[in-house]
């Protein structure tokens, strides 16, 4: 990889922008490197932070959902909306510099319809989660309409492109120096 995310971007400023966006829209956001490095995360849901990402098996599913699921699709599209392997919805938009895919701008940890409780109960059983606490965390996962998600996704894709352009400008400045 020619570009290292942490050398190109002002991560605290990106974190601040992502936090404001997440607070405004009410959707979890993140910037995750193609290698799975989480550079920015804002307002992550309890079900993800304290259940899915902490358990070795469901944590592996999270990492696969962050890296492998969107990778091929984002080669030809400016975003992807998909269900993560733990049952929640995610949106990814690639951050590219000179065509090199270096990270993804994410929104996620939401649902497009009320949850299939039997799926999540089975997941609690399979991974030995405290079912009551797990379902309580699930009850706090927001449910958004497809219309709202589409409107946010259009903006989101453009924001990912702008972040990539900022990175290209920073890279060129480093090269000149």
C-alpha atoms as a PDB file:
ATOM      1  CA  UNK A   1       0.000   0.000   0.000  1.00  0.00           C
ATOM      2  CA  UNK A   2       1.443   3.331  -1.044  1.00  0.00           C
ATOM      3  CA  UNK A   3      -0.631   5.375   1.371  1.00  0.00           C
ATOM      4  CA  UNK A   4      -0.788   4.973   5.131  1.00  0.00           C
ATOM      5  CA  UNK A   5      -3.982   6.424   6.507  1.00  0.00           C
ATOM      6  CA  UNK A   6      -2.454   7.815   9.683  1.00  0.00           C
ATOM      7  CA  UNK A   7       0.228   9.691   7.737  1.00  0.00           C
ATOM      8  CA  UNK A   8      -2.210  11.364   5.384  1.00  0.00           C
ATOM      9  CA  UNK A   9      -5.214  12.302   7.486  1.00  0.00           C
ATOM     10  CA  UNK A  10      -5.816  14.406  10.566  1.00  0.00           C
ATOM     11  CA  UNK A  11      -7.595  11.654  12.481  1.00  0.00           C
ATOM     12  CA  UNK A  12      -8.841  13.882  15.352  1.00  0.00           C
ATOM     13  CA  UNK A  13     -10.525  16.200  12.803  1.00  0.00           C
ATOM     14  CA  UNK A  14     -12.063  13.260  10.970  1.00  0.00           C
ATOM     15  CA  UNK A  15     -13.266  11.892  14.321  1.00  0.00           C
ATOM     16  CA  UNK A  16     -14.870  15.243  15.151  1.00  0.00           C
ATOM     17  CA  UNK A  17     -16.612  15.416  11.754  1.00  0.00           C
ATOM     18  CA  UNK A  18     -17.799  11.816  12.054  1.00  0.00           C
ATOM     19  CA  UNK A  19     -19.083  12.435  15.585  1.00  0.00           C
ATOM     20  CA  UNK A  20     -21.076  15.466  14.494  1.00  0.00           C
ATOM     21  CA  UNK A  21     -22.491  13.550  11.525  1.00  0.00           C
ATOM     22  CA  UNK A  22     -23.398  10.584  13.712  1.00  0.00           C
ATOM     23  CA  UNK A  23     -25.053  12.818  16.313  1.00  0.00           C
ATOM     24  CA  UNK A  24     -26.997  14.727  13.657  1.00  0.00           C
ATOM     25  CA  UNK A  25     -28.256  11.745  11.696  1.00  0.00           C
ATOM     26  CA  UNK A  26     -28.516   9.260  14.559  1.00  0.00           C
ATOM     27  CA  UNK A  27     -26.508   6.561  12.785  1.00  0.00           C
ATOM     28  CA  UNK A  28     -23.307   4.962  14.019  1.00  0.00           C
ATOM     29  CA  UNK A  29     -20.297   5.950  11.913  1.00  0.00           C
ATOM     30  CA  UNK A  30     -16.722   4.790  11.478  1.00  0.00           C
ATOM     31  CA  UNK A  31     -13.684   4.900   9.249  1.00  0.00           C
ATOM     32  CA  UNK A  32     -12.083   1.492   8.947  1.00  0.00           C
ATOM     33  CA  UNK A  33      -8.939   0.698   6.980  1.00  0.00           C
ATOM     34  CA  UNK A  34      -9.035  -2.059   4.377  1.00  0.00           C
ATOM     35  CA  UNK A  35      -6.846  -4.046   6.789  1.00  0.00           C
ATOM     36  CA  UNK A  36      -9.527  -3.753   9.519  1.00  0.00           C
ATOM     37  CA  UNK A  37      -7.874  -0.957  11.526  1.00  0.00           C
ATOM     38  CA  UNK A  38     -10.579   1.164  13.125  1.00  0.00           C
ATOM     39  CA  UNK A  39      -9.416   4.770  12.717  1.00  0.00           C
ATOM     40  CA  UNK A  40     -12.620   6.493  13.780  1.00  0.00           C
ATOM     41  CA  UNK A  41     -15.739   5.215  15.524  1.00  0.00           C
ATOM     42  CA  UNK A  42     -18.727   7.145  16.807  1.00  0.00           C
ATOM     43  CA  UNK A  43     -21.818   6.167  18.780  1.00  0.00           C
ATOM     44  CA  UNK A  44     -21.459   2.423  18.337  1.00  0.00           C
ATOM     45  CA  UNK A  45     -24.391   0.372  19.551  1.00  0.00           C
ATOM     46  CA  UNK A  46     -24.134  -1.549  22.823  1.00  0.00           C
ATOM     47  CA  UNK A  47     -24.997  -4.801  21.029  1.00  0.00           C
ATOM     48  CA  UNK A  48     -21.902  -4.389  18.850  1.00  0.00           C
ATOM     49  CA  UNK A  49     -19.472  -2.997  21.409  1.00  0.00           C
ATOM     50  CA  UNK A  50     -20.345  -5.249  24.338  1.00  0.00           C
ATOM     51  CA  UNK A  51     -21.480  -8.435  22.631  1.00  0.00           C
ATOM     52  CA  UNK A  52     -20.508  -8.890  18.979  1.00  0.00           C
ATOM     53  CA  UNK A  53     -17.025  -7.363  19.056  1.00  0.00           C
ATOM     54  CA  UNK A  54     -16.067  -8.895  22.415  1.00  0.00           C
ATOM     55  CA  UNK A  55     -16.795 -12.542  21.635  1.00  0.00           C
ATOM     56  CA  UNK A  56     -14.076 -14.279  19.561  1.00  0.00           C
ATOM     57  CA  UNK A  57     -16.480 -15.820  17.008  1.00  0.00           C
ATOM     58  CA  UNK A  58     -18.822 -12.867  16.577  1.00  0.00           C
ATOM     59  CA  UNK A  59     -15.812 -10.509  16.696  1.00  0.00           C
ATOM     60  CA  UNK A  60     -14.365 -12.416  13.722  1.00  0.00           C
ATOM     61  CA  UNK A  61     -17.698 -11.959  11.956  1.00  0.00           C
ATOM     62  CA  UNK A  62     -17.447  -8.211  12.617  1.00  0.00           C
ATOM     63  CA  UNK A  63     -13.978  -8.070  11.136  1.00  0.00           C
ATOM     64  CA  UNK A  64     -15.085 -10.080   8.086  1.00  0.00           C
ATOM     65  CA  UNK A  65     -18.081  -7.774   7.674  1.00  0.00           C
ATOM     66  CA  UNK A  66     -15.792  -4.727   7.922  1.00  0.00           C
ATOM     67  CA  UNK A  67     -13.230  -5.951   5.411  1.00  0.00           C
ATOM     68  CA  UNK A  68     -14.217  -8.892   3.212  1.00  0.00           C
ATOM     69  CA  UNK A  69     -17.924  -8.355   2.573  1.00  0.00           C
ATOM     70  CA  UNK A  70     -17.694  -4.868   1.047  1.00  0.00           C
ATOM     71  CA  UNK A  71     -14.282  -5.241  -0.624  1.00  0.00           C
ATOM     72  CA  UNK A  72     -15.213  -6.691  -4.030  1.00  0.00           C
ATOM     73  CA  UNK A  73     -18.420  -4.716  -4.374  1.00  0.00           C
ATOM     74  CA  UNK A  74     -16.669  -1.410  -3.683  1.00  0.00           C
ATOM     75  CA  UNK A  75     -14.282  -1.948  -6.607  1.00  0.00           C
ATOM     76  CA  UNK A  76     -17.107  -0.997  -8.961  1.00  0.00           C
ATOM     77  CA  UNK A  77     -19.634   0.891  -6.810  1.00  0.00           C
ATOM     78  CA  UNK A  78     -19.520   4.027  -4.694  1.00  0.00           C
ATOM     79  CA  UNK A  79     -21.287   2.339  -1.759  1.00  0.00           C
ATOM     80  CA  UNK A  80     -22.816  -0.883  -0.531  1.00  0.00           C
ATOM     81  CA  UNK A  81     -25.683  -1.516   1.874  1.00  0.00           C
ATOM     82  CA  UNK A  82     -25.521  -4.970   3.425  1.00  0.00           C
ATOM     83  CA  UNK A  83     -26.423  -7.076   6.427  1.00  0.00           C
ATOM     84  CA  UNK A  84     -23.403  -7.857   8.605  1.00  0.00           C
ATOM     85  CA  UNK A  85     -22.827 -11.431   9.656  1.00  0.00           C
ATOM     86  CA  UNK A  86     -24.280 -10.665  13.096  1.00  0.00           C
ATOM     87  CA  UNK A  87     -27.623  -9.490  11.669  1.00  0.00           C
ATOM     88  CA  UNK A  88     -27.415  -5.680  11.573  1.00  0.00           C
ATOM     89  CA  UNK A  89     -27.298  -3.382   8.566  1.00  0.00           C
ATOM     90  CA  UNK A  90     -24.165  -1.557   7.418  1.00  0.00           C
ATOM     91  CA  UNK A  91     -23.271   0.884   4.688  1.00  0.00           C
ATOM     92  CA  UNK A  92     -19.749   1.254   3.351  1.00  0.00           C
ATOM     93  CA  UNK A  93     -18.317   3.806   0.931  1.00  0.00           C
ATOM     94  CA  UNK A  94     -14.706   3.502  -0.232  1.00  0.00           C
ATOM     95  CA  UNK A  95     -12.070   6.115   0.519  1.00  0.00           C
ATOM     96  CA  UNK A  96      -9.678   6.021  -2.421  1.00  0.00           C
ATOM     97  CA  UNK A  97      -6.547   7.939  -3.305  1.00  0.00           C
ATOM     98  CA  UNK A  98      -5.547   7.795  -6.969  1.00  0.00           C
ATOM     99  CA  UNK A  99      -7.708   4.703  -7.340  1.00  0.00           C
ATOM    100  CA  UNK A 100      -6.157   2.918  -4.349  1.00  0.00           C
ATOM    101  CA  UNK A 101      -8.809   1.778  -1.890  1.00  0.00           C
ATOM    102  CA  UNK A 102      -7.312   2.607   1.538  1.00  0.00           C
ATOM    103  CA  UNK A 103     -10.308   2.655   3.897  1.00  0.00           C
ATOM    104  CA  UNK A 104     -14.078   2.645   4.114  1.00  0.00           C
ATOM    105  CA  UNK A 105     -16.411   5.217   5.527  1.00  0.00           C
ATOM    106  CA  UNK A 106     -19.061   3.268   7.438  1.00  0.00           C
ATOM    107  CA  UNK A 107     -22.488   3.817   8.834  1.00  0.00           C
ATOM    108  CA  UNK A 108     -24.156   0.949  10.481  1.00  0.00           C
ATOM    109  CA  UNK A 109     -25.500  -0.969  13.398  1.00  0.00           C
ATOM    110  CA  UNK A 110     -29.105  -0.295  12.474  1.00  0.00           C
ATOM    111  CA  UNK A 111     -32.065  -2.230  11.087  1.00  0.00           C
ATOM    112  CA  UNK A 112     -34.392  -1.627   8.146  1.00  0.00           C
ATOM    113  CA  UNK A 113     -37.284  -3.419   9.853  1.00  0.00           C
ATOM    114  CA  UNK A 114     -38.088  -4.681  13.334  1.00  0.00           C
ATOM    115  CA  UNK A 115     -35.640  -7.427  14.309  1.00  0.00           C
ATOM    116  CA  UNK A 116     -36.244 -11.143  13.890  1.00  0.00           C
ATOM    117  CA  UNK A 117     -36.186 -11.912  17.610  1.00  0.00           C
ATOM    118  CA  UNK A 118     -35.794 -15.659  17.028  1.00  0.00           C
ATOM    119  CA  UNK A 119     -32.559 -15.022  15.057  1.00  0.00           C
ATOM    120  CA  UNK A 120     -31.091 -12.949  17.885  1.00  0.00           C
ATOM    121  CA  UNK A 121     -32.281 -15.373  20.588  1.00  0.00           C
ATOM    122  CA  UNK A 122     -30.532 -18.162  18.711  1.00  0.00           C
ATOM    123  CA  UNK A 123     -27.420 -16.025  18.430  1.00  0.00           C
ATOM    124  CA  UNK A 124     -27.514 -15.385  22.200  1.00  0.00           C
ATOM    125  CA  UNK A 125     -27.755 -19.147  22.764  1.00  0.00           C
ATOM    126  CA  UNK A 126     -25.031 -20.005  20.213  1.00  0.00           C
ATOM    127  CA  UNK A 127     -22.511 -17.566  21.683  1.00  0.00           C
ATOM    128  CA  UNK A 128     -23.523 -17.845  25.332  1.00  0.00           C
ATOM    129  CA  UNK A 129     -24.680 -14.231  25.628  1.00  0.00           C
ATOM    130  CA  UNK A 130     -26.929 -13.299  28.537  1.00  0.00           C
ATOM    131  CA  UNK A 131     -30.161 -13.419  26.522  1.00  0.00           C
ATOM    132  CA  UNK A 132     -31.964 -10.765  28.544  1.00  0.00           C
ATOM    133  CA  UNK A 133     -29.095  -8.260  28.295  1.00  0.00           C
ATOM    134  CA  UNK A 134     -28.503  -9.101  24.637  1.00  0.00           C
ATOM    135  CA  UNK A 135     -32.156  -8.565  23.693  1.00  0.00           C
ATOM    136  CA  UNK A 136     -32.197  -5.359  25.737  1.00  0.00           C
ATOM    137  CA  UNK A 137     -29.212  -4.101  23.702  1.00  0.00           C
ATOM    138  CA  UNK A 138     -31.028  -5.183  20.525  1.00  0.00           C
ATOM    139  CA  UNK A 139     -34.096  -3.166  21.565  1.00  0.00           C
ATOM    140  CA  UNK A 140     -31.957   0.007  21.425  1.00  0.00           C
ATOM    141  CA  UNK A 141     -30.759  -0.587  17.852  1.00  0.00           C
ATOM    142  CA  UNK A 142     -32.448   2.028  15.656  1.00  0.00           C
ATOM    143  CA  UNK A 143     -34.781   1.039  12.841  1.00  0.00           C
ATOM    144  CA  UNK A 144     -34.615   3.358   9.822  1.00  0.00           C
ATOM    145  CA  UNK A 145     -36.725   3.544   6.707  1.00  0.00           C
ATOM    146  CA  UNK A 146     -35.141   2.664   3.370  1.00  0.00           C
ATOM    147  CA  UNK A 147     -35.905   6.244   2.266  1.00  0.00           C
ATOM    148  CA  UNK A 148     -33.838   7.751   5.096  1.00  0.00           C
ATOM    149  CA  UNK A 149     -30.990   5.317   4.513  1.00  0.00           C
ATOM    150  CA  UNK A 150     -30.956   6.118   0.778  1.00  0.00           C
ATOM    151  CA  UNK A 151     -30.795   9.870   1.416  1.00  0.00           C
ATOM    152  CA  UNK A 152     -27.982   9.489   3.935  1.00  0.00           C
ATOM    153  CA  UNK A 153     -26.112   7.014   1.695  1.00  0.00           C
ATOM    154  CA  UNK A 154     -26.039   9.446  -1.230  1.00  0.00           C
ATOM    155  CA  UNK A 155     -24.454  12.102   0.977  1.00  0.00           C
ATOM    156  CA  UNK A 156     -22.176   9.537   2.553  1.00  0.00           C
ATOM    157  CA  UNK A 157     -20.709   8.399  -0.781  1.00  0.00           C
ATOM    158  CA  UNK A 158     -19.884  11.967  -1.711  1.00  0.00           C
ATOM    159  CA  UNK A 159     -18.263  12.544   1.687  1.00  0.00           C
ATOM    160  CA  UNK A 160     -16.043   9.465   1.214  1.00  0.00           C
ATOM    161  CA  UNK A 161     -14.926  10.859  -2.161  1.00  0.00           C
ATOM    162  CA  UNK A 162     -14.112  14.243  -0.590  1.00  0.00           C
ATOM    163  CA  UNK A 163     -12.078  12.541   2.145  1.00  0.00           C
ATOM    164  CA  UNK A 164     -10.126  10.716  -0.571  1.00  0.00           C
ATOM    165  CA  UNK A 165      -9.503  14.026  -2.373  1.00  0.00           C
ATOM    166  CA  UNK A 166      -8.249  15.546   0.878  1.00  0.00           C
ATOM    167  CA  UNK A 167      -5.883  12.608   1.238  1.00  0.00           C
ATOM    168  CA  UNK A 168      -4.623  13.072  -2.305  1.00  0.00           C
ATOM    169  CA  UNK A 169      -3.936  16.754  -1.630  1.00  0.00           C
ATOM    170  CA  UNK A 170      -2.075  15.870   1.556  1.00  0.00           C
ATOM    171  CA  UNK A 171      -0.094  13.172  -0.255  1.00  0.00           C
ATOM    172  CA  UNK A 172       0.947  15.582  -2.997  1.00  0.00           C
ATOM    173  CA  UNK A 173       1.975  18.135  -0.375  1.00  0.00           C
ATOM    174  CA  UNK A 174       4.181  15.513   1.309  1.00  0.00           C
ATOM    175  CA  UNK A 175       5.732  14.655  -2.052  1.00  0.00           C
ATOM    176  CA  UNK A 176       6.499  18.310  -2.793  1.00  0.00           C
ATOM    177  CA  UNK A 177       8.094  18.758   0.637  1.00  0.00           C
END
